[in-house]
Protein backbone atom coordinates (compact mmCIF):
# COMPACT_ATOMS: atom_id res chain seq x y z
CA MET A 1 20.46 4.29 24.84
CA SER A 2 20.98 1.35 26.72
CA ALA A 3 22.98 -1.65 25.73
CA ALA A 4 20.17 -3.71 25.89
CA ASP A 5 18.20 -1.44 23.38
CA GLU A 6 20.81 -1.58 20.93
CA ASP A 7 21.13 -5.14 21.44
CA ARG A 8 17.43 -5.13 20.44
CA ARG A 9 17.65 -3.03 17.24
CA ARG A 10 20.43 -4.98 15.43
CA ALA A 11 18.73 -8.19 16.24
CA ILE A 12 15.15 -6.62 14.49
CA ASP A 13 17.47 -5.26 11.71
CA GLU A 14 19.18 -8.95 11.61
CA LEU A 15 15.36 -10.32 11.61
CA LEU A 16 14.36 -7.87 9.13
CA VAL A 17 17.05 -8.87 6.73
CA ALA A 18 16.21 -12.37 7.25
CA VAL A 19 12.95 -12.21 6.32
CA LEU A 20 13.01 -10.17 3.16
CA GLU A 21 15.41 -11.80 1.99
CA GLU A 22 14.10 -15.47 2.44
CA ARG A 23 10.59 -13.81 0.80
CA GLU A 24 13.17 -13.01 -2.19
CA LEU A 25 11.70 -9.21 -1.58
CA THR A 26 13.31 -6.63 -3.69
CA TYR A 27 14.68 -3.92 -0.81
CA ARG A 28 17.47 -1.33 -0.15
CA ARG A 29 18.45 0.03 2.90
CA GLU A 30 17.70 4.17 3.37
CA GLY A 31 20.23 4.64 6.22
CA ALA A 32 20.85 2.45 9.51
CA ASP A 33 17.19 1.63 10.18
CA ARG A 34 14.94 2.31 7.28
CA PHE A 35 14.30 -0.49 4.78
CA ALA A 36 12.75 0.50 1.43
CA VAL A 37 10.32 -2.94 0.40
CA THR A 38 9.12 -3.31 -2.66
CA LEU A 39 6.33 -5.93 -2.91
CA PRO A 40 4.69 -7.16 -5.74
CA GLY A 41 1.20 -7.42 -6.55
CA VAL A 42 -0.93 -8.35 -9.36
CA ARG A 43 -3.96 -5.63 -9.83
CA LYS A 44 -1.50 -2.74 -8.27
CA LEU A 45 1.88 -4.60 -9.86
CA GLN A 46 4.32 -3.23 -7.22
CA THR A 47 3.74 -1.81 -3.49
CA ASN A 48 6.55 0.51 -1.99
CA CYS A 49 6.62 -0.01 1.61
CA LEU A 50 8.90 1.91 4.21
CA LEU A 51 9.98 0.11 7.29
CA THR A 52 11.21 2.29 9.48
CA VAL A 53 12.87 0.77 13.54
CA GLY A 54 12.19 3.45 16.13
CA ALA A 55 13.48 3.40 19.26
CA HIS A 56 9.94 1.85 20.40
CA ALA A 57 8.64 0.20 17.24
CA LEU A 58 8.74 -0.73 13.60
CA ARG A 59 6.74 1.86 11.74
CA VAL A 60 5.05 0.61 8.49
CA GLU A 61 4.21 2.68 5.94
CA ALA A 62 3.01 1.98 2.18
CA PHE A 63 1.98 3.88 -0.82
CA VAL A 64 -1.36 2.87 -2.37
CA CYS A 65 -2.51 5.84 -4.42
CA ARG A 66 -2.59 9.24 -5.00
CA ALA A 67 -5.18 11.41 -3.97
CA PRO A 68 -8.91 11.11 -5.96
CA ASP A 69 -9.96 13.35 -8.57
CA GLU A 70 -13.56 12.73 -7.46
CA ALA A 71 -15.97 11.30 -5.19
CA HIS A 72 -13.85 12.43 -2.23
CA GLU A 73 -16.15 11.32 0.01
CA GLN A 74 -17.57 7.90 -1.06
CA VAL A 75 -13.26 7.10 -1.30
CA TYR A 76 -12.72 8.03 2.29
CA ARG A 77 -15.63 6.12 3.69
CA TYR A 78 -14.32 3.08 1.45
CA LEU A 79 -11.15 3.57 3.34
CA LEU A 80 -12.85 4.41 6.89
CA ARG A 81 -14.76 0.51 6.56
CA ARG A 82 -11.73 -1.19 5.08
CA ASN A 83 -9.97 0.12 8.21
CA ALA A 84 -12.24 -2.00 10.54
CA ARG A 85 -11.16 -4.98 9.00
CA LEU A 86 -7.48 -4.97 8.17
CA TYR A 87 -4.72 -6.49 10.72
CA GLY A 88 -2.03 -4.19 12.33
CA VAL A 89 -2.12 -1.45 9.49
CA HIS A 90 -4.81 1.54 8.91
CA TYR A 91 -5.39 3.79 5.95
CA SER A 92 -4.65 7.10 6.18
CA ILE A 93 -3.91 10.23 3.71
CA ASP A 94 -0.86 13.06 3.78
CA THR A 95 -1.34 16.06 3.50
CA LEU A 96 -2.09 15.87 -0.39
CA GLY A 97 -4.42 13.77 0.01
CA ASP A 98 -2.17 10.45 -1.54
CA ILE A 99 -3.74 7.21 0.38
CA TYR A 100 -1.13 5.54 2.69
CA LEU A 101 -1.32 2.49 5.19
CA ILE A 102 0.22 3.05 8.05
CA GLY A 103 0.85 1.23 10.98
CA ARG A 104 3.18 0.30 14.27
CA ILE A 105 4.40 -3.42 15.53
CA GLY A 106 6.04 -2.83 19.19
CA LEU A 107 9.32 -3.73 19.22
CA HIS A 108 8.69 -6.56 21.75
CA ALA A 109 6.48 -8.06 18.73
CA VAL A 110 8.16 -7.47 16.23
CA CYS A 111 9.05 -11.51 14.68
CA GLU A 112 8.94 -13.12 11.63
CA GLU A 113 5.06 -14.42 11.98
CA GLU A 114 4.38 -10.80 12.85
CA LEU A 115 6.15 -9.36 9.61
CA ASP A 116 4.56 -11.83 7.37
CA ARG A 117 1.33 -10.74 8.86
CA VAL A 118 1.34 -6.86 8.51
CA LEU A 119 3.53 -7.37 5.05
CA GLY A 120 1.10 -9.73 3.57
CA GLN A 121 -2.04 -7.21 4.98
CA VAL A 122 -0.34 -4.54 3.37
CA LEU A 123 0.15 -6.49 -0.02
CA GLU A 124 -3.68 -7.82 0.42
CA ALA A 125 -5.12 -3.99 1.20
CA ALA A 126 -3.01 -2.15 -1.60
CA ASP A 127 -3.50 -4.68 -3.84
CA GLY A 128 -6.68 -5.91 -3.35
CA ASP A 129 -8.32 -1.98 -2.61
CA PHE A 130 -6.47 -0.65 -5.74
CA ASN A 131 -9.37 -1.59 -8.16
CA PRO A 132 -12.08 -0.47 -6.31
CA LEU A 133 -10.16 2.78 -5.31
CA LEU A 134 -9.57 3.64 -8.81
CA GLU A 135 -13.35 3.26 -9.95
CA ILE A 136 -14.65 5.20 -7.14
CA GLY A 137 -11.83 8.16 -7.24
CA PHE A 138 -10.88 7.91 -10.92
CA ALA A 139 -14.09 6.86 -12.99
CA GLY A 140 -13.59 10.24 -15.13
CA ALA A 141 -10.41 9.85 -15.99
CA ILE A 142 -10.86 6.19 -16.36
CA ARG A 143 -13.35 6.72 -18.90
CA ARG A 144 -11.87 9.65 -20.78
CA GLU A 145 -8.61 7.25 -21.25
CA TRP A 146 -10.93 4.74 -22.68
CA GLU A 147 -12.55 6.78 -24.93
CA TRP A 148 -9.36 8.47 -26.20
CA ARG A 149 -8.08 5.10 -27.06
CA ARG A 150 -11.01 3.80 -28.97
CA SER A 151 -10.48 7.06 -30.68
CA ARG A 152 -6.98 6.37 -31.73
CA GLY A 153 -7.49 2.44 -32.08
CA GLU A 154 -5.04 1.64 -29.46
CA SER A 155 -5.14 -1.36 -27.19
CA THR A 156 -7.32 -0.99 -23.95
CA ALA A 157 -6.29 -4.37 -22.31
CA ASN A 158 -5.24 -3.34 -19.51
CA LEU A 159 -8.40 -1.00 -19.01
CA GLN A 160 -10.84 -4.10 -19.30
CA ALA A 161 -10.74 -4.38 -15.28
CA PHE A 162 -12.74 -1.41 -15.61
CA ALA A 163 -14.87 -2.32 -18.25
CA ALA A 164 -17.93 -1.82 -15.90
CA LEU A 165 -17.68 1.76 -15.93
CA LEU A 166 -18.37 2.08 -19.38
CA GLU A 167 -22.10 -0.06 -18.63
CA ARG A 168 -22.59 2.92 -15.67
CA PRO A 169 -23.92 6.10 -16.70
CA ASP A 170 -21.68 9.30 -15.99
CA PRO A 171 -22.80 11.27 -13.01
CA GLY A 172 -20.87 14.16 -14.45
């Protein structure tokens, strides 16, 4: 790696630290070129995001949710349609079917504004799409959890976002 490349990577490293600290985001370093960042949310209480400085690009990877239990085709259709409206990241699945947001920013384009846009998009997508993904891919499990809690007299307060599922017929 040339001295100019090293200088650029060092500048990006300093920029990442400054942006993460200024926005008061929780993060930790994982080696010289990786930052594990926690983005706070509302529906999805937190989104874990990995920023990796590579030779030519900053890679962004965020876990959204585990592989759906059911309605796989509907979940993947939702993700593909959503990809058309995302900035700087796109939905992807790993070998287990777990859902991630993935993106790359060329090192020449990494700046405070671009980091804001991409991290903001990760947060908006992961947080905003979380409940719809659960409703589609985990409807049966949510219904079973709701009924189990009601049968035991336990609170269903944190399931209220999914109350509409009870009104729809169970396709199973």
